[in-house]
C-alpha atoms as a PDB file:
ATOM      1  CA  MET A   1       0.000   0.000   0.000  1.00  0.00           C
ATOM      2  CA  ARG A   2       1.309   3.478  -0.879  1.00  0.00           C
ATOM      3  CA  TYR A   3      -0.115   6.660   0.584  1.00  0.00           C
ATOM      4  CA  ILE A   4       0.055  10.169  -0.897  1.00  0.00           C
ATOM      5  CA  VAL A   5       0.000  13.347   1.196  1.00  0.00           C
ATOM      6  CA  THR A   6      -0.539  16.570  -0.759  1.00  0.00           C
ATOM      7  CA  GLY A   7       0.464  19.948   0.646  1.00  0.00           C
ATOM      8  CA  ALA A   8       3.141  18.321   2.810  1.00  0.00           C
ATOM      9  CA  ASP A   9       4.831  21.726   3.060  1.00  0.00           C
ATOM     10  CA  GLY A  10       1.813  23.306   4.787  1.00  0.00           C
ATOM     11  CA  GLN A  11       0.675  23.483   8.395  1.00  0.00           C
ATOM     12  CA  LEU A  12      -2.000  20.809   8.044  1.00  0.00           C
ATOM     13  CA  GLY A  13      -0.439  18.650   5.331  1.00  0.00           C
ATOM     14  CA  GLY A  14       2.852  18.783   7.216  1.00  0.00           C
ATOM     15  CA  ARG A  15       1.173  17.374  10.299  1.00  0.00           C
ATOM     16  CA  VAL A  16      -0.389  14.595   8.233  1.00  0.00           C
ATOM     17  CA  ALA A  17       3.016  13.782   6.724  1.00  0.00           C
ATOM     18  CA  THR A  18       4.613  13.543  10.166  1.00  0.00           C
ATOM     19  CA  ASN A  19       1.810  11.343  11.456  1.00  0.00           C
ATOM     20  CA  MET A  20       2.107   9.006   8.490  1.00  0.00           C
ATOM     21  CA  LEU A  21       5.844   8.622   9.028  1.00  0.00           C
ATOM     22  CA  ASN A  22       5.034   7.487  12.560  1.00  0.00           C
ATOM     23  CA  GLU A  23       2.648   4.838  11.223  1.00  0.00           C
ATOM     24  CA  VAL A  24       4.188   3.310   8.078  1.00  0.00           C
ATOM     25  CA  PRO A  25       7.644   2.943   6.502  1.00  0.00           C
ATOM     26  CA  GLY A  26       8.803   5.863   4.362  1.00  0.00           C
ATOM     27  CA  GLU A  27       8.913   3.604   1.313  1.00  0.00           C
ATOM     28  CA  GLU A  28       5.116   3.502   1.432  1.00  0.00           C
ATOM     29  CA  LEU A  29       4.765   7.300   1.288  1.00  0.00           C
ATOM     30  CA  ILE A  30       4.638   9.950  -1.437  1.00  0.00           C
ATOM     31  CA  PHE A  31       4.730  13.560  -0.236  1.00  0.00           C
ATOM     32  CA  THR A  32       3.904  16.386  -2.638  1.00  0.00           C
ATOM     33  CA  CYS A  33       3.900  20.167  -2.514  1.00  0.00           C
ATOM     34  CA  PRO A  34       3.024  22.805  -5.145  1.00  0.00           C
ATOM     35  CA  VAL A  35       6.511  24.343  -5.386  1.00  0.00           C
ATOM     36  CA  LEU A  36       9.256  21.954  -4.366  1.00  0.00           C
ATOM     37  CA  ASN A  37      12.036  24.531  -4.077  1.00  0.00           C
ATOM     38  CA  ARG A  38      10.130  26.351  -1.328  1.00  0.00           C
ATOM     39  CA  LEU A  39      10.754  23.411   0.966  1.00  0.00           C
ATOM     40  CA  PRO A  40      13.976  23.528   3.005  1.00  0.00           C
ATOM     41  CA  LYS A  41      16.537  21.194   1.443  1.00  0.00           C
ATOM     42  CA  LYS A  42      17.130  19.630   4.848  1.00  0.00           C
ATOM     43  CA  LYS A  43      13.451  18.681   5.093  1.00  0.00           C
ATOM     44  CA  ILE A  44      13.508  17.042   1.665  1.00  0.00           C
ATOM     45  CA  GLU A  45      16.728  15.182   2.478  1.00  0.00           C
ATOM     46  CA  ASP A  46      15.321  13.997   5.799  1.00  0.00           C
ATOM     47  CA  TRP A  47      12.196  12.621   4.126  1.00  0.00           C
ATOM     48  CA  LYS A  48      14.169  10.947   1.355  1.00  0.00           C
ATOM     49  CA  ASN A  49      16.564   9.415   3.870  1.00  0.00           C
ATOM     50  CA  GLN A  50      13.528   7.765   5.450  1.00  0.00           C
ATOM     51  CA  GLY A  51      12.523   6.340   2.076  1.00  0.00           C
ATOM     52  CA  VAL A  52       9.795   8.871   1.206  1.00  0.00           C
ATOM     53  CA  THR A  53       9.233   9.831  -2.431  1.00  0.00           C
ATOM     54  CA  VAL A  54       9.018  13.642  -2.622  1.00  0.00           C
ATOM     55  CA  LYS A  55       7.500  15.267  -5.703  1.00  0.00           C
ATOM     56  CA  GLU A  56       6.139  18.582  -6.931  1.00  0.00           C
ATOM     57  CA  ALA A  57       2.404  18.561  -7.624  1.00  0.00           C
ATOM     58  CA  ASN A  58       0.711  21.863  -8.422  1.00  0.00           C
ATOM     59  CA  TYR A  59      -3.072  21.856  -8.442  1.00  0.00           C
ATOM     60  CA  ASP A  60      -3.013  23.901 -11.672  1.00  0.00           C
ATOM     61  CA  ASN A  61      -0.957  21.258 -13.506  1.00  0.00           C
ATOM     62  CA  LYS A  62      -2.957  18.077 -14.009  1.00  0.00           C
ATOM     63  CA  GLU A  63      -0.291  16.237 -16.026  1.00  0.00           C
ATOM     64  CA  GLN A  64       2.323  16.945 -13.369  1.00  0.00           C
ATOM     65  CA  MET A  65       0.006  15.585 -10.681  1.00  0.00           C
ATOM     66  CA  ILE A  66      -0.792  12.423 -12.656  1.00  0.00           C
ATOM     67  CA  GLU A  67       2.939  11.704 -12.829  1.00  0.00           C
ATOM     68  CA  ALA A  68       3.476  12.556  -9.139  1.00  0.00           C
ATOM     69  CA  PHE A  69       0.629  10.306  -7.981  1.00  0.00           C
ATOM     70  CA  GLN A  70       1.728   7.233  -9.953  1.00  0.00           C
ATOM     71  CA  GLY A  71       1.942   4.145  -7.773  1.00  0.00           C
ATOM     72  CA  GLY A  72      -0.224   5.603  -5.023  1.00  0.00           C
ATOM     73  CA  ASP A  73      -3.211   3.719  -3.643  1.00  0.00           C
ATOM     74  CA  ARG A  74      -4.758   6.243  -1.247  1.00  0.00           C
ATOM     75  CA  ILE A  75      -4.414  10.041  -1.225  1.00  0.00           C
ATOM     76  CA  TYR A  76      -5.003  12.845   1.248  1.00  0.00           C
ATOM     77  CA  ILE A  77      -6.023  16.050  -0.533  1.00  0.00           C
ATOM     78  CA  VAL A  78      -5.693  19.282   1.404  1.00  0.00           C
ATOM     79  CA  SER A  79      -7.910  22.063   0.062  1.00  0.00           C
ATOM     80  CA  GLY A  80      -6.366  24.878  -1.986  1.00  0.00           C
ATOM     81  CA  ILE A  81      -5.722  28.326  -0.550  1.00  0.00           C
ATOM     82  CA  LYS A  82      -7.631  30.389  -3.124  1.00  0.00           C
ATOM     83  CA  ASN A  83     -11.348  31.114  -3.066  1.00  0.00           C
ATOM     84  CA  GLY A  84     -13.938  30.941  -5.807  1.00  0.00           C
ATOM     85  CA  PRO A  85     -14.160  29.173  -9.187  1.00  0.00           C
ATOM     86  CA  GLU A  86     -10.377  28.919  -9.501  1.00  0.00           C
ATOM     87  CA  ARG A  87     -10.144  26.812  -6.354  1.00  0.00           C
ATOM     88  CA  VAL A  88     -13.053  24.612  -7.411  1.00  0.00           C
ATOM     89  CA  GLN A  89     -11.240  23.924 -10.682  1.00  0.00           C
ATOM     90  CA  GLN A  90      -8.023  23.175  -8.798  1.00  0.00           C
ATOM     91  CA  HIS A  91      -9.851  20.648  -6.647  1.00  0.00           C
ATOM     92  CA  LYS A  92     -11.359  19.016  -9.740  1.00  0.00           C
ATOM     93  CA  ASN A  93      -7.873  18.874 -11.256  1.00  0.00           C
ATOM     94  CA  VAL A  94      -6.344  17.050  -8.302  1.00  0.00           C
ATOM     95  CA  ILE A  95      -9.270  14.628  -8.009  1.00  0.00           C
ATOM     96  CA  ASP A  96      -9.113  13.880 -11.739  1.00  0.00           C
ATOM     97  CA  ALA A  97      -5.338  13.453 -11.580  1.00  0.00           C
ATOM     98  CA  ALA A  98      -5.565  11.033  -8.668  1.00  0.00           C
ATOM     99  CA  ILE A  99      -8.152   8.916 -10.468  1.00  0.00           C
ATOM    100  CA  ALA A 100      -6.142   9.001 -13.714  1.00  0.00           C
ATOM    101  CA  ALA A 101      -3.060   7.837 -11.792  1.00  0.00           C
ATOM    102  CA  GLY A 102      -4.975   4.838 -10.479  1.00  0.00           C
ATOM    103  CA  VAL A 103      -5.494   6.033  -6.896  1.00  0.00           C
ATOM    104  CA  GLY A 104      -8.381   4.114  -5.396  1.00  0.00           C
ATOM    105  CA  HIS A 105      -9.353   6.218  -2.377  1.00  0.00           C
ATOM    106  CA  ILE A 106      -9.467   9.961  -1.696  1.00  0.00           C
ATOM    107  CA  THR A 107      -9.586  11.725   1.672  1.00  0.00           C
ATOM    108  CA  TYR A 108     -10.597  15.369   1.171  1.00  0.00           C
ATOM    109  CA  THR A 109     -10.359  18.247   3.640  1.00  0.00           C
ATOM    110  CA  SER A 110     -13.595  20.241   3.584  1.00  0.00           C
ATOM    111  CA  PHE A 111     -15.161  22.747   5.975  1.00  0.00           C
ATOM    112  CA  LEU A 112     -17.914  22.389   8.551  1.00  0.00           C
ATOM    113  CA  GLY A 113     -21.290  23.257   7.054  1.00  0.00           C
ATOM    114  CA  ALA A 114     -20.509  22.393   3.433  1.00  0.00           C
ATOM    115  CA  ASN A 115     -23.380  19.886   3.480  1.00  0.00           C
ATOM    116  CA  ARG A 116     -25.751  21.869   5.722  1.00  0.00           C
ATOM    117  CA  GLU A 117     -28.588  24.249   4.937  1.00  0.00           C
ATOM    118  CA  GLY A 118     -28.389  27.778   6.329  1.00  0.00           C
ATOM    119  CA  TYR A 119     -24.586  28.058   6.392  1.00  0.00           C
ATOM    120  CA  TYR A 120     -23.177  31.115   4.652  1.00  0.00           C
ATOM    121  CA  GLN A 121     -19.415  31.181   5.205  1.00  0.00           C
ATOM    122  CA  TYR A 122     -17.418  32.709   2.364  1.00  0.00           C
ATOM    123  CA  VAL A 123     -15.433  29.532   1.635  1.00  0.00           C
ATOM    124  CA  LEU A 124     -18.325  27.066   1.710  1.00  0.00           C
ATOM    125  CA  PRO A 125     -19.446  27.148  -1.958  1.00  0.00           C
ATOM    126  CA  ASP A 126     -15.992  25.905  -3.004  1.00  0.00           C
ATOM    127  CA  HIS A 127     -16.192  22.943  -0.651  1.00  0.00           C
ATOM    128  CA  THR A 128     -19.817  22.152  -1.458  1.00  0.00           C
ATOM    129  CA  ALA A 129     -18.979  22.057  -5.165  1.00  0.00           C
ATOM    130  CA  THR A 130     -15.921  19.887  -4.559  1.00  0.00           C
ATOM    131  CA  GLU A 131     -17.835  17.432  -2.400  1.00  0.00           C
ATOM    132  CA  LYS A 132     -20.502  17.160  -5.091  1.00  0.00           C
ATOM    133  CA  TYR A 133     -17.887  16.491  -7.743  1.00  0.00           C
ATOM    134  CA  LEU A 134     -16.134  13.911  -5.581  1.00  0.00           C
ATOM    135  CA  HIS A 135     -19.407  12.016  -5.177  1.00  0.00           C
ATOM    136  CA  GLU A 136     -20.059  12.181  -8.925  1.00  0.00           C
ATOM    137  CA  THR A 137     -16.733  10.569  -9.827  1.00  0.00           C
ATOM    138  CA  GLY A 138     -17.633   7.291  -8.124  1.00  0.00           C
ATOM    139  CA  VAL A 139     -14.202   7.008  -6.484  1.00  0.00           C
ATOM    140  CA  ASN A 140     -14.030   5.704  -2.913  1.00  0.00           C
ATOM    141  CA  PHE A 141     -13.667   8.550  -0.441  1.00  0.00           C
ATOM    142  CA  ASN A 142     -13.822  10.036   3.015  1.00  0.00           C
ATOM    143  CA  ILE A 143     -14.614  13.697   3.600  1.00  0.00           C
ATOM    144  CA  MET A 144     -13.445  15.460   6.750  1.00  0.00           C
ATOM    145  CA  ARG A 145     -15.156  18.776   7.471  1.00  0.00           C
ATOM    146  CA  ASN A 146     -12.998  20.746   9.874  1.00  0.00           C
ATOM    147  CA  ASN A 147     -14.450  23.296  12.240  1.00  0.00           C
ATOM    148  CA  LEU A 148     -12.560  26.587  12.640  1.00  0.00           C
ATOM    149  CA  TYR A 149      -8.984  26.058  13.770  1.00  0.00           C
ATOM    150  CA  MET A 150      -8.337  26.666  17.458  1.00  0.00           C
ATOM    151  CA  GLU A 151      -4.860  28.017  16.706  1.00  0.00           C
ATOM    152  CA  ASN A 152      -6.332  31.001  14.861  1.00  0.00           C
ATOM    153  CA  TYR A 153      -7.763  32.305  18.119  1.00  0.00           C
ATOM    154  CA  LEU A 154      -4.519  31.799  20.032  1.00  0.00           C
ATOM    155  CA  THR A 155      -2.390  33.458  17.357  1.00  0.00           C
ATOM    156  CA  ASN A 156      -4.190  35.656  14.844  1.00  0.00           C
ATOM    157  CA  SER A 157      -6.804  37.039  17.214  1.00  0.00           C
ATOM    158  CA  VAL A 158      -4.103  37.876  19.763  1.00  0.00           C
ATOM    159  CA  MET A 159      -1.900  39.317  17.016  1.00  0.00           C
ATOM    160  CA  LEU A 160      -4.660  41.639  15.802  1.00  0.00           C
ATOM    161  CA  ALA A 161      -5.369  42.669  19.390  1.00  0.00           C
ATOM    162  CA  ASN A 162      -1.671  43.533  19.764  1.00  0.00           C
ATOM    163  CA  LEU A 163      -2.087  45.693  16.684  1.00  0.00           C
ATOM    164  CA  SER A 164      -5.226  47.355  18.075  1.00  0.00           C
ATOM    165  CA  ASP A 165      -4.373  48.639  21.559  1.00  0.00           C
ATOM    166  CA  ASN A 166      -5.160  45.233  23.113  1.00  0.00           C
ATOM    167  CA  GLN A 167      -8.723  45.284  21.793  1.00  0.00           C
ATOM    168  CA  TRP A 168      -9.921  41.834  20.697  1.00  0.00           C
ATOM    169  CA  ILE A 169     -12.469  42.919  18.095  1.00  0.00           C
ATOM    170  CA  THR A 170     -14.844  40.368  16.594  1.00  0.00           C
ATOM    171  CA  ALA A 171     -18.329  39.811  15.225  1.00  0.00           C
ATOM    172  CA  ALA A 172     -18.542  36.499  17.114  1.00  0.00           C
ATOM    173  CA  GLY A 173     -20.370  38.067  20.055  1.00  0.00           C
ATOM    174  CA  GLU A 174     -21.243  35.539  22.741  1.00  0.00           C
ATOM    175  CA  GLY A 175     -21.431  32.607  20.342  1.00  0.00           C
ATOM    176  CA  LYS A 176     -19.578  29.395  21.094  1.00  0.00           C
ATOM    177  CA  ALA A 177     -17.801  26.895  18.862  1.00  0.00           C
ATOM    178  CA  THR A 178     -16.079  23.522  19.027  1.00  0.00           C
ATOM    179  CA  PHE A 179     -12.781  24.808  17.611  1.00  0.00           C
ATOM    180  CA  ILE A 180     -10.522  22.035  16.300  1.00  0.00           C
ATOM    181  CA  ALA A 181      -6.773  21.962  16.927  1.00  0.00           C
ATOM    182  CA  LYS A 182      -4.672  21.403  13.808  1.00  0.00           C
ATOM    183  CA  ASP A 183      -2.845  18.589  15.582  1.00  0.00           C
ATOM    184  CA  ASP A 184      -6.159  16.783  16.033  1.00  0.00           C
ATOM    185  CA  SER A 185      -7.190  17.469  12.437  1.00  0.00           C
ATOM    186  CA  GLY A 186      -3.853  16.089  11.254  1.00  0.00           C
ATOM    187  CA  ARG A 187      -4.378  12.931  13.295  1.00  0.00           C
ATOM    188  CA  VAL A 188      -7.884  12.452  11.882  1.00  0.00           C
ATOM    189  CA  ALA A 189      -6.591  12.937   8.339  1.00  0.00           C
ATOM    190  CA  ALA A 190      -3.875  10.322   8.869  1.00  0.00           C
ATOM    191  CA  ALA A 191      -6.407   7.891  10.311  1.00  0.00           C
ATOM    192  CA  LEU A 192      -8.674   8.294   7.283  1.00  0.00           C
ATOM    193  CA  LEU A 193      -5.753   8.010   4.885  1.00  0.00           C
ATOM    194  CA  LEU A 194      -4.792   4.744   6.583  1.00  0.00           C
ATOM    195  CA  GLY A 195      -8.310   3.401   6.068  1.00  0.00           C
ATOM    196  CA  LYS A 196      -9.634   3.664   9.603  1.00  0.00           C
ATOM    197  CA  GLY A 197     -12.829   5.425   8.513  1.00  0.00           C
ATOM    198  CA  GLU A 198     -16.073   3.889   7.324  1.00  0.00           C
ATOM    199  CA  HIS A 199     -16.582   3.352   3.594  1.00  0.00           C
ATOM    200  CA  ASN A 200     -17.574   6.552   1.743  1.00  0.00           C
ATOM    201  CA  LYS A 201     -18.432   8.345   5.001  1.00  0.00           C
ATOM    202  CA  ASP A 202     -18.309  12.072   5.750  1.00  0.00           C
ATOM    203  CA  TYR A 203     -16.951  13.226   9.120  1.00  0.00           C
ATOM    204  CA  ASP A 204     -17.462  16.534  10.891  1.00  0.00           C
ATOM    205  CA  VAL A 205     -14.212  17.175  12.762  1.00  0.00           C
ATOM    206  CA  THR A 206     -14.760  19.223  15.916  1.00  0.00           C
ATOM    207  CA  GLY A 207     -12.981  19.971  19.173  1.00  0.00           C
ATOM    208  CA  GLY A 208     -13.699  18.717  22.648  1.00  0.00           C
ATOM    209  CA  GLU A 209     -15.154  21.827  24.255  1.00  0.00           C
ATOM    210  CA  LEU A 210     -17.831  24.379  23.456  1.00  0.00           C
ATOM    211  CA  ILE A 211     -16.154  27.713  24.131  1.00  0.00           C
ATOM    212  CA  SER A 212     -16.678  31.361  23.214  1.00  0.00           C
ATOM    213  CA  GLN A 213     -14.092  33.851  22.024  1.00  0.00           C
ATOM    214  CA  ARG A 214     -14.857  35.946  25.081  1.00  0.00           C
ATOM    215  CA  GLU A 215     -13.766  32.986  27.210  1.00  0.00           C
ATOM    216  CA  ILE A 216     -10.623  32.491  25.105  1.00  0.00           C
ATOM    217  CA  CYS A 217      -9.808  36.191  25.421  1.00  0.00           C
ATOM    218  CA  ALA A 218     -10.204  35.920  29.202  1.00  0.00           C
ATOM    219  CA  ILE A 219      -7.883  32.889  29.333  1.00  0.00           C
ATOM    220  CA  ILE A 220      -5.238  34.746  27.323  1.00  0.00           C
ATOM    221  CA  ALA A 221      -5.598  37.867  29.482  1.00  0.00           C
ATOM    222  CA  GLU A 222      -5.330  35.814  32.681  1.00  0.00           C
ATOM    223  CA  THR A 223      -2.294  33.881  31.473  1.00  0.00           C
ATOM    224  CA  SER A 224      -0.451  36.830  29.932  1.00  0.00           C
ATOM    225  CA  GLY A 225      -1.293  39.471  32.508  1.00  0.00           C
ATOM    226  CA  ILE A 226      -2.238  41.741  29.602  1.00  0.00           C
ATOM    227  CA  ASN A 227      -5.608  43.455  29.784  1.00  0.00           C
ATOM    228  CA  TYR A 228      -6.992  42.249  26.457  1.00  0.00           C
ATOM    229  CA  GLU A 229     -10.437  43.781  26.027  1.00  0.00           C
ATOM    230  CA  TYR A 230     -13.117  41.758  24.259  1.00  0.00           C
ATOM    231  CA  VAL A 231     -15.036  44.055  21.887  1.00  0.00           C
ATOM    232  CA  THR A 232     -18.182  42.866  20.116  1.00  0.00           C
ATOM    233  CA  ALA A 233     -18.979  44.330  16.707  1.00  0.00           C
ATOM    234  CA  THR A 234     -21.672  44.041  14.077  1.00  0.00           C
ATOM    235  CA  ASN A 235     -20.690  42.587  10.729  1.00  0.00           C
ATOM    236  CA  GLU A 236     -20.401  46.057   9.216  1.00  0.00           C
ATOM    237  CA  GLU A 237     -18.380  47.375  12.150  1.00  0.00           C
ATOM    238  CA  PHE A 238     -16.050  44.399  11.868  1.00  0.00           C
ATOM    239  CA  TYR A 239     -15.644  45.028   8.132  1.00  0.00           C
ATOM    240  CA  LYS A 240     -14.733  48.656   8.822  1.00  0.00           C
ATOM    241  CA  TYR A 241     -12.205  47.611  11.456  1.00  0.00           C
ATOM    242  CA  LEU A 242     -10.565  45.163   9.062  1.00  0.00           C
ATOM    243  CA  ASP A 243     -10.592  47.847   6.343  1.00  0.00           C
ATOM    244  CA  SER A 244      -8.765  50.158   8.743  1.00  0.00           C
ATOM    245  CA  ILE A 245      -5.884  47.702   9.117  1.00  0.00           C
ATOM    246  CA  TYR A 246      -5.655  47.134   5.353  1.00  0.00           C
ATOM    247  CA  ILE A 247      -7.163  43.669   5.128  1.00  0.00           C
ATOM    248  CA  PRO A 248      -8.795  43.396   1.669  1.00  0.00           C
ATOM    249  CA  ARG A 249     -12.353  42.196   1.348  1.00  0.00           C
ATOM    250  CA  GLU A 250     -11.640  39.808  -1.550  1.00  0.00           C
ATOM    251  CA  THR A 251      -8.833  37.309  -2.090  1.00  0.00           C
ATOM    252  CA  SER A 252      -7.965  39.236  -5.251  1.00  0.00           C
ATOM    253  CA  GLY A 253      -7.376  42.443  -3.239  1.00  0.00           C
ATOM    254  CA  ASP A 254      -4.201  44.334  -2.353  1.00  0.00           C
ATOM    255  CA  TYR A 255      -2.325  42.557   0.460  1.00  0.00           C
ATOM    256  CA  SER A 256       0.732  44.809   0.465  1.00  0.00           C
ATOM    257  CA  LYS A 257      -0.206  46.358   3.833  1.00  0.00           C
ATOM    258  CA  SER A 258      -2.345  43.563   5.253  1.00  0.00           C
ATOM    259  CA  PRO A 259      -1.148  41.899   8.480  1.00  0.00           C
ATOM    260  CA  VAL A 260      -2.744  38.601   7.345  1.00  0.00           C
ATOM    261  CA  PRO A 261      -2.872  36.666   4.045  1.00  0.00           C
ATOM    262  CA  TRP A 262      -6.651  36.213   3.872  1.00  0.00           C
ATOM    263  CA  CYS A 263      -9.621  38.424   3.148  1.00  0.00           C
ATOM    264  CA  SER A 264     -12.215  40.042   5.375  1.00  0.00           C
ATOM    265  CA  ASN A 265     -15.152  38.315   3.647  1.00  0.00           C
ATOM    266  CA  ASP A 266     -13.744  35.079   5.015  1.00  0.00           C
ATOM    267  CA  MET A 267     -13.058  36.510   8.480  1.00  0.00           C
ATOM    268  CA  VAL A 268     -16.415  38.254   8.902  1.00  0.00           C
ATOM    269  CA  THR A 269     -18.546  35.305   7.785  1.00  0.00           C
ATOM    270  CA  ASN A 270     -16.600  32.899  10.002  1.00  0.00           C
ATOM    271  CA  GLU A 271     -17.059  35.109  13.048  1.00  0.00           C
ATOM    272  CA  ALA A 272     -20.731  35.658  12.267  1.00  0.00           C
ATOM    273  CA  GLY A 273     -21.127  31.898  11.995  1.00  0.00           C
ATOM    274  CA  ILE A 274     -19.829  31.561  15.546  1.00  0.00           C
ATOM    275  CA  ARG A 275     -22.217  34.274  16.739  1.00  0.00           C
ATOM    276  CA  ASP A 276     -25.164  32.554  15.039  1.00  0.00           C
ATOM    277  CA  GLY A 277     -24.408  29.139  16.550  1.00  0.00           C
ATOM    278  CA  LEU A 278     -23.356  27.474  13.300  1.00  0.00           C
ATOM    279  CA  MET A 279     -19.972  26.339  14.606  1.00  0.00           C
ATOM    280  CA  ALA A 280     -21.289  24.760  17.811  1.00  0.00           C
ATOM    281  CA  ILE A 281     -21.618  21.262  16.335  1.00  0.00           C
ATOM    282  CA  GLU A 282     -20.369  18.559  18.730  1.00  0.00           C
ATOM    283  CA  THR A 283     -19.037  15.221  17.482  1.00  0.00           C
ATOM    284  CA  ASP A 284     -16.900  12.318  18.686  1.00  0.00           C
ATOM    285  CA  THR A 285     -14.901  12.099  15.436  1.00  0.00           C
ATOM    286  CA  VAL A 286     -11.472  12.783  16.912  1.00  0.00           C
ATOM    287  CA  GLU A 287     -11.743  10.222  19.690  1.00  0.00           C
ATOM    288  CA  LYS A 288     -13.428   7.609  17.476  1.00  0.00           C
ATOM    289  CA  LEU A 289     -10.765   7.775  14.750  1.00  0.00           C
ATOM    290  CA  THR A 290      -7.641   8.494  16.805  1.00  0.00           C
ATOM    291  CA  GLY A 291      -8.366   6.987  20.216  1.00  0.00           C
ATOM    292  CA  ARG A 292      -7.508  10.322  21.850  1.00  0.00           C
ATOM    293  CA  LYS A 293      -9.694  13.038  23.294  1.00  0.00           C
ATOM    294  CA  PRO A 294      -9.355  16.314  21.359  1.00  0.00           C
ATOM    295  CA  LEU A 295      -7.190  19.142  22.633  1.00  0.00           C
ATOM    296  CA  ARG A 296      -8.707  22.055  24.536  1.00  0.00           C
ATOM    297  CA  VAL A 297      -7.775  25.732  24.480  1.00  0.00           C
ATOM    298  CA  ARG A 298      -5.842  25.615  27.746  1.00  0.00           C
ATOM    299  CA  ASP A 299      -3.729  22.767  26.328  1.00  0.00           C
ATOM    300  CA  LEU A 300      -2.260  25.113  23.699  1.00  0.00           C
ATOM    301  CA  VAL A 301      -2.059  28.480  25.441  1.00  0.00           C
ATOM    302  CA  GLU A 302       1.567  28.137  26.511  1.00  0.00           C
ATOM    303  CA  LYS A 303       2.644  26.864  23.088  1.00  0.00           C
ATOM    304  CA  TYR A 304       1.505  30.116  21.494  1.00  0.00           C
ATOM    305  CA  SER A 305       2.439  32.444  24.344  1.00  0.00           C
ATOM    306  CA  PHE A 306       5.183  33.942  22.176  1.00  0.00           C
ATOM    307  CA  VAL A 307       2.485  35.911  20.324  1.00  0.00           C
ATOM    308  CA  TRP A 308       1.781  38.084  23.340  1.00  0.00           C
ATOM    309  CA  LYS A 309       5.231  37.829  24.877  1.00  0.00           C
ATOM    310  CA  GLU A 310       6.848  39.136  21.690  1.00  0.00           C
ATOM    311  CA  LYS A 311       3.914  41.420  20.797  1.00  0.00           C
ATOM    312  CA  ILE A 312       3.614  39.909  17.325  1.00  0.00           C
ATOM    313  CA  THR A 313       1.549  42.107  14.965  1.00  0.00           C
ATOM    314  CA  SER A 314       1.927  40.316  11.623  1.00  0.00           C
ATOM    315  CA  TYR A 315       1.036  36.852  10.398  1.00  0.00           C
ATOM    316  CA  TRP A 316       4.578  36.468   9.089  1.00  0.00           C
ATOM    317  CA  GLY A 317       5.868  36.859  12.616  1.00  0.00           C
ATOM    318  CA  LEU A 318       3.961  33.740  13.687  1.00  0.00           C
ATOM    319  CA  SER A 319       6.290  31.222  12.041  1.00  0.00           C
ATOM    320  CA  ARG A 320       7.574  28.813  14.651  1.00  0.00           C
END
């Protein structure tokens, strides 16, 4: 059996790659990334020394992906980073390439709500369309729909507060969510890639506690000794705040002054989804597939304490 991990250079795909190396010999693994020369040479050498095949596979280049996926039996597909029709086409490309290369099973990373009525998050149409296409192909699959990542609220929210006189500004209000830690998501992805999921089953991947951003802000303030102030905003007020710190509304906008690499349409609709109770889904997916209870906010606070200790104010200062 050979397993393919796409996006092995990224935060989520990298976790999946590490987990797979802990489970199977490197000779059974193919790791891909969109631009190979962006990976540190030491990382590539380390993987190859363990027997891993490392290849470039760009979601815009179907022929390249078909070649990269040759010999693979099961593949983990991390979603692309763009939004809109271009990303949907990229996802179709990678699915088609995997099937053309003879891959028999696909695990796809989607987003919570992609199959639910009444959800309105900016990124959801891309995932809904991809899930539909995946079903239409007839290939064997598992879909994992991640809730919002817990790390975002221990890093980016704190970072923006550092940038804004310690004001933690959000449209999430008093809403609660079952935020998922990337480590837990990576473990679930590895489990599904290894075949531990049920045949052609979708999984909502959620954290182990229902918690509000106000509560997270209070935990950070208590731990750091910094008086972070939780500030609730309407959607329009939140848009104006994000405009004021140069975050573009669309992914096609000008990011030259933005402290983060994503757009405010994404940020506002995610926060509103928390406020409106859409992200409060509770599941046992993590424990069922990994045998471990999911991480909680307090488990990760110290890990990301450098954000407030070093007063980080830019996403590019978060690299650790």
